[in-house]
Amino acid sequence: QEFAGFVEGDSVSFSGKALVSSLDPIGGENTFGQLLIKAYGENYTELAAGVSTILIDSTTTVDEWQDLSAELIVPAGTLQVQIGVEIVVGNNPVGALYFDDLQMTYSGGMTQ
């Protein structure tokens, strides 16, 4: 999802929970999920990114919700901020990831 109206120095946080089920565990080399925040300038030039500090992958404990969060300080020239769930599919991917309770919060001078 994308948002406009942020100003330089605003703080954006994106948090939620993720689960790997024992019925369909994620697997495959370089396959993972995470929360993502990106700041874009003119012509969709990426200015900055923040990702969750925990990756959900084949080493994640199954059947246990994991708390995830990502943060970003909005840089100068930002026209849009994008938040999302990113799933990177590597070699021989299998399984499913579940996400819940996703929310964005911010502090600063957002004008929208």
C-alpha atoms as a PDB file:
ATOM      1  CA  GLN A   1       0.000   0.000   0.000  1.00  0.00           C
ATOM      2  CA  GLU A   2       1.226   3.502  -0.757  1.00  0.00           C
ATOM      3  CA  PHE A   3       0.882   6.750   1.170  1.00  0.00           C
ATOM      4  CA  ALA A   4       1.735  10.340   0.265  1.00  0.00           C
ATOM      5  CA  GLY A   5       2.148  13.454   2.365  1.00  0.00           C
ATOM      6  CA  PHE A   6       5.103  12.496   4.547  1.00  0.00           C
ATOM      7  CA  VAL A   7       7.756  15.089   5.267  1.00  0.00           C
ATOM      8  CA  GLU A   8      11.472  14.700   5.866  1.00  0.00           C
ATOM      9  CA  GLY A   9      12.194  13.286   9.320  1.00  0.00           C
ATOM     10  CA  ASP A  10       8.827  11.592   9.815  1.00  0.00           C
ATOM     11  CA  SER A  11       9.125   8.184  11.450  1.00  0.00           C
ATOM     12  CA  VAL A  12       7.188   5.294   9.889  1.00  0.00           C
ATOM     13  CA  SER A  13       6.729   1.902  11.560  1.00  0.00           C
ATOM     14  CA  PHE A  14       5.105  -1.198  10.099  1.00  0.00           C
ATOM     15  CA  SER A  15       4.407  -4.169  12.345  1.00  0.00           C
ATOM     16  CA  GLY A  16       2.539  -7.437  12.422  1.00  0.00           C
ATOM     17  CA  LYS A  17       2.768 -11.142  13.070  1.00  0.00           C
ATOM     18  CA  ALA A  18       3.875 -14.030  10.862  1.00  0.00           C
ATOM     19  CA  LEU A  19       3.376 -17.779  11.135  1.00  0.00           C
ATOM     20  CA  VAL A  20       4.844 -20.885   9.521  1.00  0.00           C
ATOM     21  CA  SER A  21       2.424 -23.789   9.875  1.00  0.00           C
ATOM     22  CA  SER A  22       3.663 -27.316  10.568  1.00  0.00           C
ATOM     23  CA  LEU A  23       1.086 -28.468   7.988  1.00  0.00           C
ATOM     24  CA  ASP A  24       2.848 -26.582   5.159  1.00  0.00           C
ATOM     25  CA  PRO A  25       6.261 -25.322   6.354  1.00  0.00           C
ATOM     26  CA  ILE A  26       8.251 -22.932   4.212  1.00  0.00           C
ATOM     27  CA  GLY A  27      11.407 -24.294   2.658  1.00  0.00           C
ATOM     28  CA  GLY A  28      13.865 -23.789  -0.139  1.00  0.00           C
ATOM     29  CA  GLU A  29      17.201 -22.067  -0.294  1.00  0.00           C
ATOM     30  CA  ASN A  30      16.958 -18.243  -0.134  1.00  0.00           C
ATOM     31  CA  THR A  31      13.173 -18.298   0.390  1.00  0.00           C
ATOM     32  CA  PHE A  32      11.856 -15.963   3.095  1.00  0.00           C
ATOM     33  CA  GLY A  33       9.243 -13.397   4.066  1.00  0.00           C
ATOM     34  CA  GLN A  34       9.573 -10.019   5.760  1.00  0.00           C
ATOM     35  CA  LEU A  35       7.874  -6.670   6.284  1.00  0.00           C
ATOM     36  CA  LEU A  36       9.072  -3.831   4.084  1.00  0.00           C
ATOM     37  CA  ILE A  37       8.857  -0.015   4.007  1.00  0.00           C
ATOM     38  CA  LYS A  38      10.213   1.973   1.044  1.00  0.00           C
ATOM     39  CA  ALA A  39      10.475   5.705   0.377  1.00  0.00           C
ATOM     40  CA  TYR A  40      10.252   6.888  -3.234  1.00  0.00           C
ATOM     41  CA  GLY A  41      11.074  10.201  -4.861  1.00  0.00           C
ATOM     42  CA  GLU A  42      10.449  11.483  -8.373  1.00  0.00           C
ATOM     43  CA  ASN A  43      10.070   8.884 -11.127  1.00  0.00           C
ATOM     44  CA  TYR A  44       9.733   6.206  -8.439  1.00  0.00           C
ATOM     45  CA  THR A  45      13.378   6.493  -7.497  1.00  0.00           C
ATOM     46  CA  GLU A  46      13.921   4.462  -4.328  1.00  0.00           C
ATOM     47  CA  LEU A  47      15.405   6.726  -1.672  1.00  0.00           C
ATOM     48  CA  ALA A  48      15.438   4.460   1.385  1.00  0.00           C
ATOM     49  CA  ALA A  49      14.134   1.131   2.675  1.00  0.00           C
ATOM     50  CA  GLY A  50      13.483  -0.496   6.015  1.00  0.00           C
ATOM     51  CA  VAL A  51      12.893  -4.215   6.495  1.00  0.00           C
ATOM     52  CA  SER A  52      11.884  -6.322   9.474  1.00  0.00           C
ATOM     53  CA  THR A  53      14.781  -7.438  11.617  1.00  0.00           C
ATOM     54  CA  ILE A  54      13.445 -11.001  11.673  1.00  0.00           C
ATOM     55  CA  LEU A  55      13.187 -13.038   8.473  1.00  0.00           C
ATOM     56  CA  ILE A  56      10.563 -15.765   8.304  1.00  0.00           C
ATOM     57  CA  ASP A  57      12.239 -18.758   6.637  1.00  0.00           C
ATOM     58  CA  SER A  58      12.888 -22.482   6.989  1.00  0.00           C
ATOM     59  CA  THR A  59      14.565 -21.935  10.386  1.00  0.00           C
ATOM     60  CA  THR A  60      11.505 -20.211  11.903  1.00  0.00           C
ATOM     61  CA  THR A  61       9.770 -22.131  14.689  1.00  0.00           C
ATOM     62  CA  VAL A  62       6.540 -23.633  13.306  1.00  0.00           C
ATOM     63  CA  ASP A  63       3.086 -23.020  14.782  1.00  0.00           C
ATOM     64  CA  GLU A  64       4.268 -20.001  16.765  1.00  0.00           C
ATOM     65  CA  TRP A  65       3.377 -16.439  15.783  1.00  0.00           C
ATOM     66  CA  GLN A  66       6.464 -14.241  15.318  1.00  0.00           C
ATOM     67  CA  ASP A  67       6.367 -10.483  16.014  1.00  0.00           C
ATOM     68  CA  LEU A  68       7.780  -8.455  13.122  1.00  0.00           C
ATOM     69  CA  SER A  69       8.481  -4.752  12.762  1.00  0.00           C
ATOM     70  CA  ALA A  70      10.222  -2.444  10.311  1.00  0.00           C
ATOM     71  CA  GLU A  71      11.060   1.232  10.696  1.00  0.00           C
ATOM     72  CA  LEU A  72      12.031   4.066   8.386  1.00  0.00           C
ATOM     73  CA  ILE A  73      12.915   7.734   8.835  1.00  0.00           C
ATOM     74  CA  VAL A  74      11.561   9.564   5.787  1.00  0.00           C
ATOM     75  CA  PRO A  75      14.415  11.146   3.790  1.00  0.00           C
ATOM     76  CA  ALA A  76      14.303  14.465   1.928  1.00  0.00           C
ATOM     77  CA  GLY A  77      12.586  14.325  -1.440  1.00  0.00           C
ATOM     78  CA  THR A  78      10.127  11.562  -0.506  1.00  0.00           C
ATOM     79  CA  LEU A  79       6.879  11.709  -2.469  1.00  0.00           C
ATOM     80  CA  GLN A  80       5.464   8.312  -1.512  1.00  0.00           C
ATOM     81  CA  VAL A  81       5.999   5.715   1.179  1.00  0.00           C
ATOM     82  CA  GLN A  82       5.126   2.089   0.419  1.00  0.00           C
ATOM     83  CA  ILE A  83       4.517  -0.636   2.985  1.00  0.00           C
ATOM     84  CA  GLY A  84       4.080  -4.309   2.245  1.00  0.00           C
ATOM     85  CA  VAL A  85       4.781  -7.927   2.898  1.00  0.00           C
ATOM     86  CA  GLU A  86       7.646  -9.187   0.771  1.00  0.00           C
ATOM     87  CA  ILE A  87       8.043 -12.873  -0.005  1.00  0.00           C
ATOM     88  CA  VAL A  88      11.271 -13.774  -1.749  1.00  0.00           C
ATOM     89  CA  VAL A  89      11.162 -17.074  -3.609  1.00  0.00           C
ATOM     90  CA  GLY A  90      14.557 -18.724  -3.932  1.00  0.00           C
ATOM     91  CA  ASN A  91      15.565 -22.185  -5.142  1.00  0.00           C
ATOM     92  CA  ASN A  92      13.014 -25.017  -4.811  1.00  0.00           C
ATOM     93  CA  PRO A  93      10.465 -23.039  -2.758  1.00  0.00           C
ATOM     94  CA  VAL A  94       7.735 -24.859  -0.843  1.00  0.00           C
ATOM     95  CA  GLY A  95       5.255 -24.032   1.886  1.00  0.00           C
ATOM     96  CA  ALA A  96       3.182 -21.088   2.990  1.00  0.00           C
ATOM     97  CA  LEU A  97       3.545 -18.012   5.190  1.00  0.00           C
ATOM     98  CA  TYR A  98       0.717 -16.414   7.132  1.00  0.00           C
ATOM     99  CA  PHE A  99       0.614 -12.751   8.189  1.00  0.00           C
ATOM    100  CA  ASP A 100      -1.852 -11.078  10.586  1.00  0.00           C
ATOM    101  CA  ASP A 101      -2.413  -7.909  12.639  1.00  0.00           C
ATOM    102  CA  LEU A 102      -0.545  -5.688  10.166  1.00  0.00           C
ATOM    103  CA  GLN A 103      -0.468  -2.009  11.064  1.00  0.00           C
ATOM    104  CA  MET A 104       1.369   1.155  10.110  1.00  0.00           C
ATOM    105  CA  THR A 105       2.029   3.962  12.551  1.00  0.00           C
ATOM    106  CA  TYR A 106       3.845   7.234  12.043  1.00  0.00           C
ATOM    107  CA  SER A 107       4.938  10.320  13.894  1.00  0.00           C
ATOM    108  CA  GLY A 108       5.837  13.691  12.499  1.00  0.00           C
ATOM    109  CA  GLY A 109       4.299  16.125  10.066  1.00  0.00           C
ATOM    110  CA  MET A 110       2.501  13.913   7.578  1.00  0.00           C
ATOM    111  CA  THR A 111       0.077  16.211   5.736  1.00  0.00           C
ATOM    112  CA  GLN A 112      -2.500  13.649   4.608  1.00  0.00           C
END
